[in-house]
Amino acid sequence: MSKNNKLVKNKIKVSTQKYLDIAEVKDDIMVMHDGTLRVVIMVSSINFALKSEDEQNATISAYVSFLNNINFPIQIVVQSREMNIDEYLVRLKQKEKEQTNELLKIQTQEYIQYITELVSIGKIMNKKFFIVVPYNPLTDKHKNFFKSMLDVLKPIEYVKIKEKRFKQNKAELDRRVENVLNGLSSIGLNAIQLDTQSLIELYYNTYNPTTSKNEKMVEIKDIRVAE
């Protein structure tokens, strides 16, 4: 690679890092460039339309109670992606080869054909639901002019939270997360906080929707920094 190409590549890398909102992922928490923290909770869905009127009213009442019991903002995110069933079809074809019963083998073939035709007719979308719980250790009224300038000029330096301070902020954020999880449970929803690996995979897939289909991200424990 020529020297000019390396410079161009480095410029692109720096530009990407500069405009990415996330500074780092630490202890299952996202640390943003402005110093705020985020936790992402994955939430299950319920088929509201299939519930009886009494069940629907109970669900709505529980949801209203959930919102009234939190005194901090949350963000509800719905992510819709085209479902990739290639791996599923590969497993089905393998089962077909292993099948010794001729009738079951024919049924497997017909099922594979049915799934393939169904996908070709229209895109099958997979929806995932997330709740983002934030925590801001600094309020706007506490920021003076010089801190605001530091946010603009050196955001990376500004978000280097000391370990003691980070643990204090994490404890406060954990209390918020527990509050949200209990509220979701009262509605009848299953929810789980994403860990560091899951957070990185989520944003890798979000920012690289095409690449992520063909190049799966490795486990964090398998990543090695070149010396």
Protein backbone atom coordinates (compact mmCIF):
# COMPACT_ATOMS: atom_id res chain seq x y z
CA MET A 1 0.00 0.00 0.00
CA SER A 2 1.36 3.40 -0.95
CA LYS A 3 1.98 6.16 1.57
CA ASN A 4 -0.86 8.27 0.13
CA ASN A 5 -3.33 5.39 0.45
CA LYS A 6 -2.33 4.91 4.09
CA LEU A 7 -2.92 8.58 4.79
CA VAL A 8 -6.35 8.45 3.18
CA LYS A 9 -7.25 5.36 5.18
CA ASN A 10 -6.11 6.98 8.43
CA LYS A 11 -8.10 10.13 7.67
CA ILE A 12 -11.25 8.06 7.10
CA LYS A 13 -10.68 6.17 10.35
CA VAL A 14 -10.20 9.35 12.36
CA SER A 15 -13.29 10.90 10.77
CA THR A 16 -15.41 7.86 11.67
CA GLN A 17 -14.26 7.85 15.27
CA LYS A 18 -14.87 11.57 15.55
CA TYR A 19 -18.53 11.37 14.55
CA LEU A 20 -19.42 8.13 16.34
CA ASP A 21 -21.44 8.97 19.47
CA ILE A 22 -20.05 6.05 21.49
CA ALA A 23 -16.66 6.62 23.12
CA GLU A 24 -16.32 3.13 24.64
CA VAL A 25 -18.22 0.13 25.95
CA LYS A 26 -17.29 -0.72 29.50
CA ASP A 27 -18.81 -3.14 32.03
CA ASP A 28 -21.98 -3.61 29.94
CA ILE A 29 -22.40 0.17 29.71
CA MET A 30 -21.96 2.54 26.79
CA VAL A 31 -19.95 5.66 27.60
CA MET A 32 -20.85 8.47 25.23
CA HIS A 33 -18.64 11.33 24.04
CA ASP A 34 -20.56 13.81 26.18
CA GLY A 35 -19.86 11.82 29.35
CA THR A 36 -23.34 10.33 29.69
CA LEU A 37 -23.92 6.60 30.16
CA ARG A 38 -26.34 4.24 28.45
CA VAL A 39 -27.65 0.75 29.15
CA VAL A 40 -29.61 -1.17 26.51
CA ILE A 41 -32.33 -3.62 27.50
CA MET A 42 -33.74 -6.12 25.01
CA VAL A 43 -37.48 -6.63 25.49
CA SER A 44 -39.80 -9.37 24.31
CA SER A 45 -43.05 -8.60 22.51
CA ILE A 46 -46.65 -9.59 23.17
CA ASN A 47 -49.50 -10.04 20.70
CA PHE A 48 -51.82 -7.37 22.04
CA ALA A 49 -54.49 -8.01 19.40
CA LEU A 50 -54.99 -11.64 20.50
CA LYS A 51 -55.68 -10.69 24.12
CA SER A 52 -59.19 -10.34 25.51
CA GLU A 53 -60.55 -6.89 26.30
CA ASP A 54 -59.89 -7.37 30.02
CA GLU A 55 -56.33 -8.50 29.33
CA GLN A 56 -55.76 -5.53 27.03
CA ASN A 57 -57.03 -3.11 29.68
CA ALA A 58 -54.81 -4.75 32.30
CA THR A 59 -51.79 -4.44 29.99
CA ILE A 60 -52.50 -0.77 29.29
CA SER A 61 -52.95 -0.09 33.01
CA ALA A 62 -49.65 -1.82 33.82
CA TYR A 63 -47.89 0.18 31.09
CA VAL A 64 -49.27 3.48 32.43
CA SER A 65 -48.14 2.49 35.93
CA PHE A 66 -44.69 1.62 34.57
CA LEU A 67 -44.32 5.07 32.97
CA ASN A 68 -45.55 6.84 36.10
CA ASN A 69 -43.05 5.01 38.31
CA ILE A 70 -39.94 6.23 36.47
CA ASN A 71 -38.63 9.75 36.97
CA PHE A 72 -36.03 9.70 34.22
CA PRO A 73 -36.21 9.62 30.42
CA ILE A 74 -36.01 6.37 28.47
CA GLN A 75 -35.79 5.68 24.76
CA ILE A 76 -37.87 2.94 23.13
CA VAL A 77 -36.27 1.60 19.94
CA VAL A 78 -37.78 -0.80 17.42
CA GLN A 79 -35.25 -2.30 15.03
CA SER A 80 -36.58 -3.94 11.88
CA ARG A 81 -34.28 -6.09 9.78
CA GLU A 82 -34.79 -8.48 6.89
CA MET A 83 -34.65 -11.97 8.29
CA ASN A 84 -31.76 -14.08 7.04
CA ILE A 85 -32.84 -17.74 6.89
CA ASP A 86 -29.87 -19.07 4.91
CA GLU A 87 -28.40 -20.89 7.92
CA TYR A 88 -31.84 -22.30 8.74
CA LEU A 89 -32.20 -23.70 5.20
CA VAL A 90 -28.72 -25.23 5.40
CA ARG A 91 -29.70 -27.05 8.61
CA LEU A 92 -32.93 -28.26 6.99
CA LYS A 93 -31.07 -29.61 3.97
CA GLN A 94 -28.66 -31.40 6.29
CA LYS A 95 -31.62 -32.95 8.13
CA GLU A 96 -33.03 -34.01 4.79
CA LYS A 97 -29.80 -35.86 3.92
CA GLU A 98 -29.75 -37.58 7.31
CA GLN A 99 -33.40 -38.61 7.15
CA THR A 100 -33.84 -42.40 6.70
CA ASN A 101 -37.63 -42.38 6.54
CA GLU A 102 -38.57 -41.74 2.92
CA LEU A 103 -41.92 -40.12 3.78
CA LEU A 104 -40.30 -37.71 6.25
CA LYS A 105 -37.60 -36.97 3.71
CA ILE A 106 -40.22 -35.95 1.12
CA GLN A 107 -42.00 -33.81 3.70
CA THR A 108 -38.73 -32.07 4.56
CA GLN A 109 -38.10 -31.36 0.88
CA GLU A 110 -41.59 -29.90 0.50
CA TYR A 111 -41.12 -27.75 3.60
CA ILE A 112 -37.80 -26.41 2.28
CA GLN A 113 -39.46 -25.58 -1.03
CA TYR A 114 -42.35 -23.88 0.78
CA ILE A 115 -40.03 -21.72 2.91
CA THR A 116 -37.93 -20.79 -0.13
CA GLU A 117 -40.99 -19.75 -2.14
CA LEU A 118 -42.40 -17.82 0.85
CA VAL A 119 -39.21 -15.80 1.16
CA SER A 120 -39.07 -15.14 -2.59
CA ILE A 121 -42.62 -13.67 -2.56
CA GLY A 122 -41.82 -10.98 -0.03
CA LYS A 123 -39.25 -9.97 2.53
CA ILE A 124 -39.75 -11.44 5.99
CA MET A 125 -38.87 -8.84 8.60
CA ASN A 126 -37.56 -9.56 12.06
CA LYS A 127 -38.35 -6.96 14.71
CA LYS A 128 -36.40 -6.45 17.91
CA PHE A 129 -37.38 -4.15 20.74
CA PHE A 130 -35.00 -2.24 22.99
CA ILE A 131 -35.21 0.24 25.83
CA VAL A 132 -32.26 2.57 26.34
CA VAL A 133 -31.77 3.74 29.92
CA PRO A 134 -29.54 6.82 30.26
CA TYR A 135 -27.68 8.44 33.11
CA ASN A 136 -26.10 11.87 32.96
CA PRO A 137 -23.62 12.48 35.81
CA LEU A 138 -23.42 16.14 34.84
CA THR A 139 -26.40 18.42 34.44
CA ASP A 140 -26.38 21.30 32.00
CA LYS A 141 -26.52 23.86 34.79
CA HIS A 142 -23.27 22.53 36.24
CA LYS A 143 -21.36 23.04 33.01
CA ASN A 144 -19.38 26.21 32.77
CA PHE A 145 -18.05 27.80 29.60
CA PHE A 146 -14.70 26.02 29.72
CA LYS A 147 -16.27 22.59 30.18
CA SER A 148 -18.56 23.25 27.24
CA MET A 149 -15.55 24.22 25.13
CA LEU A 150 -13.82 21.01 26.22
CA ASP A 151 -16.86 19.02 25.02
CA VAL A 152 -16.37 20.51 21.56
CA LEU A 153 -12.60 20.54 21.30
CA LYS A 154 -11.57 17.39 23.16
CA PRO A 155 -14.57 15.13 23.74
CA ILE A 156 -12.46 12.01 24.23
CA GLU A 157 -10.52 13.60 27.08
CA TYR A 158 -13.74 14.80 28.69
CA VAL A 159 -15.26 11.30 28.98
CA LYS A 160 -12.32 9.61 30.66
CA ILE A 161 -14.17 8.90 33.88
CA LYS A 162 -12.08 7.91 36.87
CA GLU A 163 -12.75 4.41 38.13
CA LYS A 164 -14.23 5.52 41.44
CA ARG A 165 -16.55 8.01 39.75
CA PHE A 166 -17.51 5.47 37.11
CA LYS A 167 -18.52 2.92 39.76
CA GLN A 168 -20.67 5.54 41.50
CA ASN A 169 -22.37 6.43 38.23
CA LYS A 170 -22.80 2.75 37.37
CA ALA A 171 -24.50 2.10 40.72
CA GLU A 172 -27.00 4.87 40.03
CA LEU A 173 -27.61 3.57 36.52
CA ASP A 174 -28.04 0.01 37.84
CA ARG A 175 -30.84 1.26 40.12
CA ARG A 176 -32.59 2.77 37.12
CA VAL A 177 -32.19 -0.44 35.14
CA GLU A 178 -33.63 -2.49 38.01
CA ASN A 179 -36.60 -0.14 38.15
CA VAL A 180 -37.23 -0.55 34.41
CA LEU A 181 -36.85 -4.35 34.53
CA ASN A 182 -39.35 -4.63 37.37
CA GLY A 183 -41.79 -2.39 35.51
CA LEU A 184 -41.51 -4.43 32.32
CA SER A 185 -42.04 -7.64 34.28
CA SER A 186 -45.28 -6.23 35.71
CA ILE A 187 -46.53 -5.74 32.13
CA GLY A 188 -45.76 -9.38 31.31
CA LEU A 189 -42.68 -8.67 29.21
CA ASN A 190 -39.40 -10.55 29.41
CA ALA A 191 -36.37 -8.27 29.40
CA ILE A 192 -32.62 -8.62 29.72
CA GLN A 193 -29.77 -6.13 29.88
CA LEU A 194 -27.30 -6.51 27.01
CA ASP A 195 -23.74 -7.28 28.08
CA THR A 196 -20.60 -5.83 26.52
CA GLN A 197 -20.36 -8.46 23.78
CA SER A 198 -24.04 -8.08 22.87
CA LEU A 199 -23.77 -4.27 22.79
CA ILE A 200 -20.82 -4.37 20.42
CA GLU A 201 -22.59 -6.90 18.19
CA LEU A 202 -25.75 -4.78 18.20
CA TYR A 203 -23.93 -1.68 16.99
CA TYR A 204 -21.72 -3.63 14.61
CA ASN A 205 -24.84 -5.06 12.95
CA THR A 206 -26.58 -1.67 13.03
CA TYR A 207 -23.77 0.31 11.44
CA ASN A 208 -22.80 -2.52 9.05
CA PRO A 209 -26.08 -4.14 7.95
CA THR A 210 -24.62 -5.59 4.75
CA THR A 211 -21.19 -6.62 6.01
CA SER A 212 -22.56 -8.23 9.17
CA LYS A 213 -24.54 -10.75 7.10
CA ASN A 214 -21.34 -12.25 5.71
CA GLU A 215 -18.76 -11.37 8.36
CA LYS A 216 -19.76 -12.32 11.89
CA MET A 217 -18.04 -10.46 14.68
CA VAL A 218 -15.58 -12.45 16.79
CA GLU A 219 -15.92 -12.84 20.54
CA ILE A 220 -14.28 -10.09 22.59
CA LYS A 221 -12.13 -12.65 24.40
CA ASP A 222 -10.70 -13.74 21.04
CA ILE A 223 -9.65 -10.22 20.01
CA ARG A 224 -5.94 -9.60 20.32
CA VAL A 225 -4.25 -6.24 20.00
CA ALA A 226 -1.25 -6.34 17.71
CA GLU A 227 1.96 -5.22 19.40
